[in-house]
PDB file of all heavy atoms in Angstrom:
ATOM      1  N   TYR A   1       2.650   9.985  -1.015  1.00  0.00           N
ATOM      2  CA  TYR A   1       2.196   9.977  -2.510  1.00  0.00           C
ATOM      3  C   TYR A   1       3.238   9.310  -3.425  1.00  0.00           C
ATOM      4  O   TYR A   1       4.440   9.595  -3.252  1.00  0.00           O
ATOM      5  CB  TYR A   1       1.906  11.352  -2.854  1.00  0.00           C
ATOM      6  CG  TYR A   1       0.736  12.007  -2.262  1.00  0.00           C
ATOM      7  CD1 TYR A   1       0.985  12.977  -1.195  1.00  0.00           C
ATOM      8  CD2 TYR A   1      -0.587  11.654  -2.596  1.00  0.00           C
ATOM      9  CE1 TYR A   1      -0.138  13.551  -0.604  1.00  0.00           C
ATOM     10  CE2 TYR A   1      -1.754  12.249  -2.002  1.00  0.00           C
ATOM     11  CZ  TYR A   1      -1.395  13.176  -0.943  1.00  0.00           C
ATOM     12  OH  TYR A   1      -2.465  13.750  -0.300  1.00  0.00           O
ATOM     13  N   ARG A   2       2.816   8.613  -4.295  1.00  0.00           N
ATOM     14  CA  ARG A   2       3.609   8.115  -5.535  1.00  0.00           C
ATOM     15  C   ARG A   2       2.699   8.258  -6.712  1.00  0.00           C
ATOM     16  O   ARG A   2       1.510   8.286  -6.487  1.00  0.00           O
ATOM     17  CB  ARG A   2       3.933   6.583  -5.263  1.00  0.00           C
ATOM     18  CG  ARG A   2       4.871   6.310  -4.196  1.00  0.00           C
ATOM     19  CD  ARG A   2       5.405   4.822  -4.279  1.00  0.00           C
ATOM     20  NE  ARG A   2       4.589   3.855  -4.986  1.00  0.00           N
ATOM     21  CZ  ARG A   2       4.164   2.703  -4.571  1.00  0.00           C
ATOM     22  NH1 ARG A   2       4.412   2.373  -3.279  1.00  0.00           N
ATOM     23  NH2 ARG A   2       3.476   1.920  -5.358  1.00  0.00           N
ATOM     24  N   PRO A   3       3.270   8.276  -7.867  1.00  0.00           N
ATOM     25  CA  PRO A   3       2.422   8.353  -9.017  1.00  0.00           C
ATOM     26  C   PRO A   3       1.287   7.248  -9.040  1.00  0.00           C
ATOM     27  O   PRO A   3       1.656   6.114  -8.964  1.00  0.00           O
ATOM     28  CB  PRO A   3       3.300   8.266 -10.202  1.00  0.00           C
ATOM     29  CG  PRO A   3       4.620   8.701  -9.659  1.00  0.00           C
ATOM     30  CD  PRO A   3       4.532   8.287  -8.261  1.00  0.00           C
ATOM     31  N   GLY A   4      -0.070   7.629  -8.922  1.00  0.00           N
ATOM     32  CA  GLY A   4      -1.105   6.703  -8.972  1.00  0.00           C
ATOM     33  C   GLY A   4      -1.519   6.089  -7.630  1.00  0.00           C
ATOM     34  O   GLY A   4      -2.570   5.482  -7.628  1.00  0.00           O
ATOM     35  N   VAL A   5      -0.807   6.455  -6.549  1.00  0.00           N
ATOM     36  CA  VAL A   5      -1.218   5.868  -5.253  1.00  0.00           C
ATOM     37  C   VAL A   5      -0.883   6.761  -4.125  1.00  0.00           C
ATOM     38  O   VAL A   5       0.121   7.450  -4.125  1.00  0.00           O
ATOM     39  CB  VAL A   5      -0.673   4.371  -5.134  1.00  0.00           C
ATOM     40  CG1 VAL A   5       0.838   4.535  -4.875  1.00  0.00           C
ATOM     41  CG2 VAL A   5      -1.267   3.730  -3.872  1.00  0.00           C
ATOM     42  N   ALA A   6      -1.709   6.812  -3.056  1.00  0.00           N
ATOM     43  CA  ALA A   6      -1.455   7.481  -1.914  1.00  0.00           C
ATOM     44  C   ALA A   6      -1.651   6.497  -0.687  1.00  0.00           C
ATOM     45  O   ALA A   6      -2.660   5.708  -0.841  1.00  0.00           O
ATOM     46  CB  ALA A   6      -2.344   8.699  -1.741  1.00  0.00           C
ATOM     47  N   THR A   7      -0.810   6.562   0.300  1.00  0.00           N
ATOM     48  CA  THR A   7      -0.982   5.724   1.559  1.00  0.00           C
ATOM     49  C   THR A   7      -1.051   6.556   2.789  1.00  0.00           C
ATOM     50  O   THR A   7      -0.383   7.608   2.876  1.00  0.00           O
ATOM     51  CB  THR A   7       0.112   4.647   1.617  1.00  0.00           C
ATOM     52  OG1 THR A   7       1.370   5.262   1.676  1.00  0.00           O
ATOM     53  CG2 THR A   7       0.029   3.607   0.492  1.00  0.00           C
ATOM     54  N   GLU A   8      -1.825   6.068   3.656  1.00  0.00           N
ATOM     55  CA  GLU A   8      -1.844   6.747   5.013  1.00  0.00           C
ATOM     56  C   GLU A   8      -1.932   5.649   6.165  1.00  0.00           C
ATOM     57  O   GLU A   8      -2.753   4.711   6.069  1.00  0.00           O
ATOM     58  CB  GLU A   8      -3.207   7.453   5.140  1.00  0.00           C
ATOM     59  CG  GLU A   8      -3.533   8.010   6.383  1.00  0.00           C
ATOM     60  CD  GLU A   8      -4.889   8.639   6.482  1.00  0.00           C
ATOM     61  OE1 GLU A   8      -5.789   8.337   5.578  1.00  0.00           O
ATOM     62  OE2 GLU A   8      -5.197   9.431   7.364  1.00  0.00           O
ATOM     63  N   LEU A   9      -0.997   5.740   7.120  1.00  0.00           N
ATOM     64  CA  LEU A   9      -0.974   4.948   8.290  1.00  0.00           C
ATOM     65  C   LEU A   9      -2.234   5.134   9.205  1.00  0.00           C
ATOM     66  O   LEU A   9      -2.443   6.199   9.591  1.00  0.00           O
ATOM     67  CB  LEU A   9       0.259   5.055   9.128  1.00  0.00           C
ATOM     68  CG  LEU A   9       0.435   4.169  10.416  1.00  0.00           C
ATOM     69  CD1 LEU A   9       0.461   2.735   9.971  1.00  0.00           C
ATOM     70  CD2 LEU A   9       1.592   4.633  11.215  1.00  0.00           C
ATOM     71  N   LEU A  10      -2.998   4.096   9.298  1.00  0.00           N
ATOM     72  CA  LEU A  10      -4.241   4.148  10.214  1.00  0.00           C
ATOM     73  C   LEU A  10      -3.903   3.626  11.668  1.00  0.00           C
ATOM     74  O   LEU A  10      -4.544   4.212  12.533  1.00  0.00           O
ATOM     75  CB  LEU A  10      -5.344   3.297   9.566  1.00  0.00           C
ATOM     76  CG  LEU A  10      -5.889   3.831   8.194  1.00  0.00           C
ATOM     77  CD1 LEU A  10      -6.985   2.854   7.769  1.00  0.00           C
ATOM     78  CD2 LEU A  10      -6.333   5.280   8.272  1.00  0.00           C
ATOM     79  N   GLY A  11      -3.209   2.657  11.813  1.00  0.00           N
ATOM     80  CA  GLY A  11      -2.902   2.150  13.077  1.00  0.00           C
ATOM     81  C   GLY A  11      -1.760   1.212  13.133  1.00  0.00           C
ATOM     82  O   GLY A  11      -1.529   0.451  12.071  1.00  0.00           O
ATOM     83  N   ARG A  12      -1.125   0.871  14.232  1.00  0.00           N
ATOM     84  CA  ARG A  12      -0.157  -0.159  14.359  1.00  0.00           C
ATOM     85  C   ARG A  12      -0.117  -0.730  15.724  1.00  0.00           C
ATOM     86  O   ARG A  12      -0.492  -0.077  16.636  1.00  0.00           O
ATOM     87  CB  ARG A  12       1.196   0.400  13.903  1.00  0.00           C
ATOM     88  CG  ARG A  12       1.806   1.279  14.897  1.00  0.00           C
ATOM     89  CD  ARG A  12       3.413   1.671  14.586  1.00  0.00           C
ATOM     90  NE  ARG A  12       3.582   1.806  13.260  1.00  0.00           N
ATOM     91  CZ  ARG A  12       4.361   2.772  12.740  1.00  0.00           C
ATOM     92  NH1 ARG A  12       4.795   3.739  13.549  1.00  0.00           N
ATOM     93  NH2 ARG A  12       4.647   2.924  11.483  1.00  0.00           N
ATOM     94  N   CYS A  13       0.333  -1.964  15.802  1.00  0.00           N
ATOM     95  CA  CYS A  13       0.490  -2.603  17.044  1.00  0.00           C
ATOM     96  C   CYS A  13       1.804  -3.436  17.008  1.00  0.00           C
ATOM     97  O   CYS A  13       2.470  -3.475  15.883  1.00  0.00           O
ATOM     98  CB  CYS A  13      -0.667  -3.416  17.496  1.00  0.00           C
ATOM     99  SG  CYS A  13      -0.834  -4.974  16.518  1.00  0.00           S
ATOM    100  N   PRO A  14       2.311  -4.288  17.962  1.00  0.00           N
ATOM    101  CA  PRO A  14       3.545  -4.921  17.796  1.00  0.00           C
ATOM    102  C   PRO A  14       3.390  -6.076  16.691  1.00  0.00           C
ATOM    103  O   PRO A  14       4.393  -6.667  16.245  1.00  0.00           O
ATOM    104  CB  PRO A  14       3.747  -5.527  19.197  1.00  0.00           C
ATOM    105  CG  PRO A  14       3.038  -4.719  20.160  1.00  0.00           C
ATOM    106  CD  PRO A  14       1.883  -4.175  19.272  1.00  0.00           C
ATOM    107  N   TYR A  15       2.140  -6.389  16.220  1.00  0.00           N
ATOM    108  CA  TYR A  15       1.960  -7.629  15.351  1.00  0.00           C
ATOM    109  C   TYR A  15       1.728  -7.172  13.901  1.00  0.00           C
ATOM    110  O   TYR A  15       1.942  -7.957  13.003  1.00  0.00           O
ATOM    111  CB  TYR A  15       0.930  -8.417  15.935  1.00  0.00           C
ATOM    112  CG  TYR A  15       1.117  -8.920  17.334  1.00  0.00           C
ATOM    113  CD1 TYR A  15       0.380  -8.290  18.338  1.00  0.00           C
ATOM    114  CD2 TYR A  15       2.254  -9.742  17.659  1.00  0.00           C
ATOM    115  CE1 TYR A  15       0.657  -8.615  19.624  1.00  0.00           C
ATOM    116  CE2 TYR A  15       2.454 -10.112  18.894  1.00  0.00           C
ATOM    117  CZ  TYR A  15       1.621  -9.522  19.974  1.00  0.00           C
ATOM    118  OH  TYR A  15       1.962  -9.838  21.376  1.00  0.00           O
ATOM    119  N   PHE A  16       1.124  -6.047  13.735  1.00  0.00           N
ATOM    120  CA  PHE A  16       0.744  -5.641  12.354  1.00  0.00           C
ATOM    121  C   PHE A  16       0.489  -4.166  12.290  1.00  0.00           C
ATOM    122  O   PHE A  16       0.447  -3.499  13.288  1.00  0.00           O
ATOM    123  CB  PHE A  16      -0.426  -6.415  11.743  1.00  0.00           C
ATOM    124  CG  PHE A  16      -1.746  -6.171  12.483  1.00  0.00           C
ATOM    125  CD1 PHE A  16      -2.582  -5.156  12.189  1.00  0.00           C
ATOM    126  CD2 PHE A  16      -2.043  -6.995  13.569  1.00  0.00           C
ATOM    127  CE1 PHE A  16      -3.704  -4.901  12.929  1.00  0.00           C
ATOM    128  CE2 PHE A  16      -3.223  -6.847  14.349  1.00  0.00           C
ATOM    129  CZ  PHE A  16      -4.096  -5.780  13.970  1.00  0.00           C
ATOM    130  N   GLU A  17       0.490  -3.605  10.972  1.00  0.00           N
ATOM    131  CA  GLU A  17       0.162  -2.226  10.713  1.00  0.00           C
ATOM    132  C   GLU A  17      -0.968  -2.223   9.686  1.00  0.00           C
ATOM    133  O   GLU A  17      -1.114  -3.091   8.814  1.00  0.00           O
ATOM    134  CB  GLU A  17       1.284  -1.500  10.071  1.00  0.00           C
ATOM    135  CG  GLU A  17       2.648  -1.474  10.995  1.00  0.00           C
ATOM    136  CD  GLU A  17       3.709  -0.916  10.245  1.00  0.00           C
ATOM    137  OE1 GLU A  17       3.803  -0.853   9.031  1.00  0.00           O
ATOM    138  OE2 GLU A  17       4.648  -0.302  11.049  1.00  0.00           O
ATOM    139  N   VAL A  18      -1.777  -1.187   9.796  1.00  0.00           N
ATOM    140  CA  VAL A  18      -2.897  -1.050   8.786  1.00  0.00           C
ATOM    141  C   VAL A  18      -2.826   0.263   8.130  1.00  0.00           C
ATOM    142  O   VAL A  18      -2.676   1.328   8.798  1.00  0.00           O
ATOM    143  CB  VAL A  18      -4.194  -1.164   9.475  1.00  0.00           C
ATOM    144  CG1 VAL A  18      -5.387  -0.988   8.500  1.00  0.00           C
ATOM    145  CG2 VAL A  18      -4.425  -2.579  10.129  1.00  0.00           C
ATOM    146  N   TYR A  19      -2.740   0.226   6.865  1.00  0.00           N
ATOM    147  CA  TYR A  19      -2.671   1.393   6.021  1.00  0.00           C
ATOM    148  C   TYR A  19      -3.881   1.583   5.084  1.00  0.00           C
ATOM    149  O   TYR A  19      -4.526   0.625   4.764  1.00  0.00           O
ATOM    150  CB  TYR A  19      -1.427   1.460   5.107  1.00  0.00           C
ATOM    151  CG  TYR A  19      -0.142   1.475   5.745  1.00  0.00           C
ATOM    152  CD1 TYR A  19       0.509   0.438   6.329  1.00  0.00           C
ATOM    153  CD2 TYR A  19       0.575   2.756   5.742  1.00  0.00           C
ATOM    154  CE1 TYR A  19       1.655   0.517   6.915  1.00  0.00           C
ATOM    155  CE2 TYR A  19       1.760   2.794   6.420  1.00  0.00           C
ATOM    156  CZ  TYR A  19       2.335   1.760   6.975  1.00  0.00           C
ATOM    157  OH  TYR A  19       3.543   1.867   7.617  1.00  0.00           O
ATOM    158  N   ARG A  20      -4.317   2.858   4.885  1.00  0.00           N
ATOM    159  CA  ARG A  20      -5.324   3.002   3.789  1.00  0.00           C
ATOM    160  C   ARG A  20      -4.611   3.421   2.575  1.00  0.00           C
ATOM    161  O   ARG A  20      -3.679   4.231   2.516  1.00  0.00           O
ATOM    162  CB  ARG A  20      -6.252   4.218   4.171  1.00  0.00           C
ATOM    163  CG  ARG A  20      -7.262   4.508   3.157  1.00  0.00           C
ATOM    164  CD  ARG A  20      -8.335   5.564   3.723  1.00  0.00           C
ATOM    165  NE  ARG A  20      -7.627   6.798   3.922  1.00  0.00           N
ATOM    166  CZ  ARG A  20      -8.125   7.962   3.299  1.00  0.00           C
ATOM    167  NH1 ARG A  20      -9.235   7.941   2.715  1.00  0.00           N
ATOM    168  NH2 ARG A  20      -7.525   9.064   3.539  1.00  0.00           N
ATOM    169  N   MET A  21      -4.916   2.672   1.447  1.00  0.00           N
ATOM    170  CA  MET A  21      -4.294   2.903   0.238  1.00  0.00           C
ATOM    171  C   MET A  21      -5.219   3.318  -0.892  1.00  0.00           C
ATOM    172  O   MET A  21      -6.272   2.686  -1.111  1.00  0.00           O
ATOM    173  CB  MET A  21      -3.480   1.576  -0.207  1.00  0.00           C
ATOM    174  CG  MET A  21      -2.704   1.798  -1.474  1.00  0.00           C
ATOM    175  SD  MET A  21      -1.651   0.289  -1.877  1.00  0.00           S
ATOM    176  CE  MET A  21      -2.793  -0.791  -2.569  1.00  0.00           C
ATOM    177  N   LEU A  22      -4.983   4.541  -1.458  1.00  0.00           N
ATOM    178  CA  LEU A  22      -5.968   4.983  -2.439  1.00  0.00           C
ATOM    179  C   LEU A  22      -5.240   4.853  -3.837  1.00  0.00           C
ATOM    180  O   LEU A  22      -4.136   5.506  -4.048  1.00  0.00           O
ATOM    181  CB  LEU A  22      -6.193   6.533  -2.178  1.00  0.00           C
ATOM    182  CG  LEU A  22      -6.759   6.764  -0.865  1.00  0.00           C
ATOM    183  CD1 LEU A  22      -6.862   8.356  -0.565  1.00  0.00           C
ATOM    184  CD2 LEU A  22      -8.272   6.270  -0.784  1.00  0.00           C
ATOM    185  N   LEU A  23      -5.881   3.936  -4.669  1.00  0.00           N
ATOM    186  CA  LEU A  23      -5.296   3.722  -5.992  1.00  0.00           C
ATOM    187  C   LEU A  23      -6.093   4.535  -6.989  1.00  0.00           C
ATOM    188  O   LEU A  23      -7.245   4.392  -7.000  1.00  0.00           O
ATOM    189  CB  LEU A  23      -5.408   2.215  -6.327  1.00  0.00           C
ATOM    190  CG  LEU A  23      -4.954   1.737  -7.627  1.00  0.00           C
ATOM    191  CD1 LEU A  23      -3.446   1.806  -7.800  1.00  0.00           C
ATOM    192  CD2 LEU A  23      -5.440   0.286  -7.863  1.00  0.00           C
ATOM    193  N   ASN A  24      -5.405   5.262  -7.868  1.00  0.00           N
ATOM    194  CA  ASN A  24      -6.130   6.096  -8.895  1.00  0.00           C
ATOM    195  C   ASN A  24      -5.130   6.115 -10.122  1.00  0.00           C
ATOM    196  O   ASN A  24      -4.342   7.133 -10.207  1.00  0.00           O
ATOM    197  CB  ASN A  24      -6.507   7.422  -8.384  1.00  0.00           C
ATOM    198  CG  ASN A  24      -7.288   8.182  -9.316  1.00  0.00           C
ATOM    199  OD1 ASN A  24      -7.734   7.651 -10.412  1.00  0.00           O
ATOM    200  ND2 ASN A  24      -7.518   9.437  -9.036  1.00  0.00           N
ATOM    201  N   THR A  25      -5.291   5.123 -10.964  1.00  0.00           N
ATOM    202  CA  THR A  25      -4.376   5.185 -12.102  1.00  0.00           C
ATOM    203  C   THR A  25      -5.041   5.535 -13.399  1.00  0.00           C
ATOM    204  O   THR A  25      -6.424   5.348 -13.574  1.00  0.00           O
ATOM    205  CB  THR A  25      -3.795   3.735 -12.274  1.00  0.00           C
ATOM    206  OG1 THR A  25      -4.896   2.804 -12.457  1.00  0.00           O
ATOM    207  CG2 THR A  25      -3.008   3.330 -11.079  1.00  0.00           C
ATOM    208  N   GLN A  26      -4.378   6.029 -14.367  1.00  0.00           N
ATOM    209  CA  GLN A  26      -4.949   6.448 -15.607  1.00  0.00           C
ATOM    210  C   GLN A  26      -4.920   5.343 -16.555  1.00  0.00           C
ATOM    211  O   GLN A  26      -4.595   4.122 -16.177  1.00  0.00           O
ATOM    212  CB  GLN A  26      -4.119   7.675 -16.187  1.00  0.00           C
ATOM    213  CG  GLN A  26      -4.056   8.780 -15.320  1.00  0.00           C
ATOM    214  CD  GLN A  26      -5.427   9.414 -14.984  1.00  0.00           C
ATOM    215  OE1 GLN A  26      -6.217   9.477 -15.857  1.00  0.00           O
ATOM    216  NE2 GLN A  26      -5.637   9.914 -13.767  1.00  0.00           N
ATOM    217  N   ARG A  27      -5.119   5.458 -17.859  1.00  0.00           N
ATOM    218  CA  ARG A  27      -5.313   4.432 -18.712  1.00  0.00           C
ATOM    219  C   ARG A  27      -4.039   3.535 -18.770  1.00  0.00           C
ATOM    220  O   ARG A  27      -4.200   2.264 -18.689  1.00  0.00           O
ATOM    221  CB  ARG A  27      -5.393   5.078 -20.132  1.00  0.00           C
ATOM    222  CG  ARG A  27      -6.714   5.485 -20.486  1.00  0.00           C
ATOM    223  CD  ARG A  27      -6.793   5.748 -21.953  1.00  0.00           C
ATOM    224  NE  ARG A  27      -8.243   6.256 -22.205  1.00  0.00           N
ATOM    225  CZ  ARG A  27      -8.576   6.530 -23.439  1.00  0.00           C
ATOM    226  NH1 ARG A  27      -7.888   6.336 -24.359  1.00  0.00           N
ATOM    227  NH2 ARG A  27      -9.907   6.828 -23.472  1.00  0.00           N
ATOM    228  N   ARG A  28      -2.944   4.005 -18.873  1.00  0.00           N
ATOM    229  CA  ARG A  28      -1.646   3.164 -19.136  1.00  0.00           C
ATOM    230  C   ARG A  28      -0.754   3.137 -17.762  1.00  0.00           C
ATOM    231  O   ARG A  28       0.166   2.416 -17.738  1.00  0.00           O
ATOM    232  CB  ARG A  28      -0.763   3.571 -20.212  1.00  0.00           C
ATOM    233  CG  ARG A  28      -1.541   3.465 -21.613  1.00  0.00           C
ATOM    234  CD  ARG A  28      -0.825   3.800 -22.677  1.00  0.00           C
ATOM    235  NE  ARG A  28      -1.561   3.562 -23.856  1.00  0.00           N
ATOM    236  CZ  ARG A  28      -1.238   4.229 -24.975  1.00  0.00           C
ATOM    237  NH1 ARG A  28      -0.181   4.960 -25.092  1.00  0.00           N
ATOM    238  NH2 ARG A  28      -1.991   4.033 -26.000  1.00  0.00           N
ATOM    239  N   GLN A  29      -1.188   3.845 -16.874  1.00  0.00           N
ATOM    240  CA  GLN A  29      -0.399   3.861 -15.677  1.00  0.00           C
ATOM    241  C   GLN A  29      -0.680   2.689 -14.757  1.00  0.00           C
ATOM    242  O   GLN A  29      -1.887   2.254 -14.593  1.00  0.00           O
ATOM    243  CB  GLN A  29      -0.763   5.134 -14.892  1.00  0.00           C
ATOM    244  CG  GLN A  29       0.166   5.424 -13.634  1.00  0.00           C
ATOM    245  CD  GLN A  29      -0.393   6.715 -12.859  1.00  0.00           C
ATOM    246  OE1 GLN A  29      -1.485   7.107 -12.963  1.00  0.00           O
ATOM    247  NE2 GLN A  29       0.520   7.405 -12.228  1.00  0.00           N
ATOM    248  N   ILE A  30       0.409   2.187 -14.200  1.00  0.00           N
ATOM    249  CA  ILE A  30       0.209   1.070 -13.187  1.00  0.00           C
ATOM    250  C   ILE A  30       1.024   1.306 -11.979  1.00  0.00           C
ATOM    251  O   ILE A  30       1.911   2.155 -11.955  1.00  0.00           O
ATOM    252  CB  ILE A  30       0.715  -0.294 -13.768  1.00  0.00           C
ATOM    253  CG1 ILE A  30       2.187  -0.138 -14.268  1.00  0.00           C
ATOM    254  CG2 ILE A  30      -0.206  -0.792 -14.976  1.00  0.00           C
ATOM    255  CD1 ILE A  30       2.739  -1.550 -14.595  1.00  0.00           C
ATOM    256  N   VAL A  31       0.667   0.698 -10.942  1.00  0.00           N
ATOM    257  CA  VAL A  31       1.282   0.899  -9.626  1.00  0.00           C
ATOM    258  C   VAL A  31       2.049  -0.458  -9.211  1.00  0.00           C
ATOM    259  O   VAL A  31       1.350  -1.624  -9.351  1.00  0.00           O
ATOM    260  CB  VAL A  31       0.428   1.261  -8.477  1.00  0.00           C
ATOM    261  CG1 VAL A  31       1.054   1.254  -7.078  1.00  0.00           C
ATOM    262  CG2 VAL A  31      -0.096   2.704  -8.784  1.00  0.00           C
ATOM    263  N   LYS A  32       3.270  -0.571  -9.037  1.00  0.00           N
ATOM    264  CA  LYS A  32       3.933  -1.661  -8.620  1.00  0.00           C
ATOM    265  C   LYS A  32       3.719  -2.005  -7.078  1.00  0.00           C
ATOM    266  O   LYS A  32       3.810  -0.962  -6.243  1.00  0.00           O
ATOM    267  CB  LYS A  32       5.403  -1.626  -8.794  1.00  0.00           C
ATOM    268  CG  LYS A  32       5.821  -1.522 -10.316  1.00  0.00           C
ATOM    269  CD  LYS A  32       7.308  -1.395 -10.485  1.00  0.00           C
ATOM    270  CE  LYS A  32       7.604  -1.273 -12.054  1.00  0.00           C
ATOM    271  NZ  LYS A  32       8.980  -1.135 -12.258  1.00  0.00           N
ATOM    272  N   TYR A  33       3.514  -3.281  -6.637  1.00  0.00           N
ATOM    273  CA  TYR A  33       3.180  -3.538  -5.368  1.00  0.00           C
ATOM    274  C   TYR A  33       4.056  -4.843  -4.971  1.00  0.00           C
ATOM    275  O   TYR A  33       3.923  -5.838  -5.775  1.00  0.00           O
ATOM    276  CB  TYR A  33       1.746  -3.604  -5.095  1.00  0.00           C
ATOM    277  CG  TYR A  33       1.369  -3.916  -3.667  1.00  0.00           C
ATOM    278  CD1 TYR A  33       1.164  -2.892  -2.797  1.00  0.00           C
ATOM    279  CD2 TYR A  33       1.153  -5.209  -3.196  1.00  0.00           C
ATOM    280  CE1 TYR A  33       0.843  -3.152  -1.478  1.00  0.00           C
ATOM    281  CE2 TYR A  33       0.825  -5.452  -1.880  1.00  0.00           C
ATOM    282  CZ  TYR A  33       0.633  -4.472  -1.023  1.00  0.00           C
ATOM    283  OH  TYR A  33       0.300  -4.642   0.346  1.00  0.00           O
ATOM    284  N   ARG A  34       4.593  -4.873  -3.771  1.00  0.00           N
ATOM    285  CA  ARG A  34       5.213  -6.226  -3.493  1.00  0.00           C
ATOM    286  C   ARG A  34       5.243  -6.255  -1.938  1.00  0.00           C
ATOM    287  O   ARG A  34       5.668  -5.327  -1.197  1.00  0.00           O
ATOM    288  CB  ARG A  34       6.637  -6.231  -3.997  1.00  0.00           C
ATOM    289  CG  ARG A  34       7.311  -7.449  -3.796  1.00  0.00           C
ATOM    290  CD  ARG A  34       8.659  -7.387  -4.371  1.00  0.00           C
ATOM    291  NE  ARG A  34       9.226  -8.764  -4.332  1.00  0.00           N
ATOM    292  CZ  ARG A  34      10.132  -9.261  -5.173  1.00  0.00           C
ATOM    293  NH1 ARG A  34      10.715  -8.428  -5.989  1.00  0.00           N
ATOM    294  NH2 ARG A  34      10.636 -10.455  -4.919  1.00  0.00           N
ATOM    295  N   ALA A  35       5.167  -7.514  -1.275  1.00  0.00           N
ATOM    296  CA  ALA A  35       5.325  -7.663   0.041  1.00  0.00           C
ATOM    297  C   ALA A  35       6.895  -7.852   0.297  1.00  0.00           C
ATOM    298  O   ALA A  35       7.650  -8.280  -0.631  1.00  0.00           O
ATOM    299  CB  ALA A  35       4.625  -8.970   0.572  1.00  0.00           C
ATOM    300  N   ASP A  36       7.445  -7.487   1.459  1.00  0.00           N
ATOM    301  CA  ASP A  36       8.782  -7.628   1.683  1.00  0.00           C
ATOM    302  C   ASP A  36       9.160  -9.109   2.041  1.00  0.00           C
ATOM    303  O   ASP A  36       8.253  -9.948   1.990  1.00  0.00           O
ATOM    304  CB  ASP A  36       9.276  -6.692   2.771  1.00  0.00           C
ATOM    305  CG  ASP A  36       8.524  -6.952   4.181  1.00  0.00           C
ATOM    306  OD1 ASP A  36       8.025  -8.073   4.420  1.00  0.00           O
ATOM    307  OD2 ASP A  36       8.629  -5.954   4.882  1.00  0.00           O
ATOM    308  N   SER A  37      10.418  -9.285   2.220  1.00  0.00           N
ATOM    309  CA  SER A  37      10.808 -10.813   2.457  1.00  0.00           C
ATOM    310  C   SER A  37      10.499 -11.311   3.952  1.00  0.00           C
ATOM    311  O   SER A  37      10.581 -12.464   4.102  1.00  0.00           O
ATOM    312  CB  SER A  37      12.333 -11.023   2.251  1.00  0.00           C
ATOM    313  OG  SER A  37      12.993 -10.110   3.191  1.00  0.00           O
ATOM    314  N   LEU A  38       9.969 -10.442   4.836  1.00  0.00           N
ATOM    315  CA  LEU A  38       9.825 -10.795   6.220  1.00  0.00           C
ATOM    316  C   LEU A  38       8.319 -11.062   6.596  1.00  0.00           C
ATOM    317  O   LEU A  38       8.057 -11.846   7.474  1.00  0.00           O
ATOM    318  CB  LEU A  38      10.301  -9.667   7.100  1.00  0.00           C
ATOM    319  CG  LEU A  38      11.797  -9.416   7.039  1.00  0.00           C
ATOM    320  CD1 LEU A  38      12.201  -8.321   7.987  1.00  0.00           C
ATOM    321  CD2 LEU A  38      12.599 -10.703   7.267  1.00  0.00           C
ATOM    322  N   SER A  39       7.396 -10.504   5.759  1.00  0.00           N
ATOM    323  CA  SER A  39       5.994 -10.684   6.267  1.00  0.00           C
ATOM    324  C   SER A  39       5.062 -10.599   5.040  1.00  0.00           C
ATOM    325  O   SER A  39       5.361 -10.031   4.028  1.00  0.00           O
ATOM    326  CB  SER A  39       5.622  -9.558   7.273  1.00  0.00           C
ATOM    327  OG  SER A  39       5.706  -8.249   6.671  1.00  0.00           O
ATOM    328  N   PHE A  40       3.908 -11.099   5.245  1.00  0.00           N
ATOM    329  CA  PHE A  40       2.797 -11.131   4.305  1.00  0.00           C
ATOM    330  C   PHE A  40       2.203  -9.734   4.228  1.00  0.00           C
ATOM    331  O   PHE A  40       2.281  -8.939   5.119  1.00  0.00           O
ATOM    332  CB  PHE A  40       1.768 -12.181   4.571  1.00  0.00           C
ATOM    333  CG  PHE A  40       1.059 -11.964   5.840  1.00  0.00           C
ATOM    334  CD1 PHE A  40      -0.074 -11.142   5.889  1.00  0.00           C
ATOM    335  CD2 PHE A  40       1.520 -12.469   7.145  1.00  0.00           C
ATOM    336  CE1 PHE A  40      -0.800 -11.004   6.969  1.00  0.00           C
ATOM    337  CE2 PHE A  40       0.787 -12.159   8.323  1.00  0.00           C
ATOM    338  CZ  PHE A  40      -0.270 -11.426   8.185  1.00  0.00           C
ATOM    339  N   ARG A  41       1.230  -9.666   3.331  1.00  0.00           N
ATOM    340  CA  ARG A  41       0.317  -8.447   3.066  1.00  0.00           C
ATOM    341  C   ARG A  41      -1.068  -8.903   2.716  1.00  0.00           C
ATOM    342  O   ARG A  41      -1.158  -9.900   2.089  1.00  0.00           O
ATOM    343  CB  ARG A  41       0.756  -7.465   1.995  1.00  0.00           C
ATOM    344  CG  ARG A  41       2.221  -6.988   2.165  1.00  0.00           C
ATOM    345  CD  ARG A  41       2.315  -5.585   2.799  1.00  0.00           C
ATOM    346  NE  ARG A  41       3.591  -5.158   2.943  1.00  0.00           N
ATOM    347  CZ  ARG A  41       4.160  -4.111   2.208  1.00  0.00           C
ATOM    348  NH1 ARG A  41       3.434  -3.613   1.249  1.00  0.00           N
ATOM    349  NH2 ARG A  41       5.318  -3.803   2.496  1.00  0.00           N
ATOM    350  N   VAL A  42      -2.059  -8.197   3.191  1.00  0.00           N
ATOM    351  CA  VAL A  42      -3.408  -8.449   2.908  1.00  0.00           C
ATOM    352  C   VAL A  42      -4.058  -7.160   2.341  1.00  0.00           C
ATOM    353  O   VAL A  42      -3.885  -6.213   2.976  1.00  0.00           O
ATOM    354  CB  VAL A  42      -4.275  -8.995   4.129  1.00  0.00           C
ATOM    355  CG1 VAL A  42      -5.734  -9.053   3.691  1.00  0.00           C
ATOM    356  CG2 VAL A  42      -3.716 -10.280   4.652  1.00  0.00           C
ATOM    357  N   LEU A  43      -4.576  -7.293   1.114  1.00  0.00           N
ATOM    358  CA  LEU A  43      -5.244  -6.110   0.506  1.00  0.00           C
ATOM    359  C   LEU A  43      -6.732  -6.270   0.526  1.00  0.00           C
ATOM    360  O   LEU A  43      -7.194  -7.288  -0.008  1.00  0.00           O
ATOM    361  CB  LEU A  43      -4.811  -5.902  -0.869  1.00  0.00           C
ATOM    362  CG  LEU A  43      -3.352  -5.409  -1.111  1.00  0.00           C
ATOM    363  CD1 LEU A  43      -3.004  -5.340  -2.658  1.00  0.00           C
ATOM    364  CD2 LEU A  43      -3.092  -4.143  -0.483  1.00  0.00           C
TER     365      LEU A  43
END
């Protein structure tokens, strides 16, 4: 848990990982998101 978001690991293999991400922000609340320098992300 982080303010506004919860994540859960669903599965992984040597090539990728899949998480479930629940976003629930209030009026002015935002969640920062960024891919690391080594790999892409797909939402």
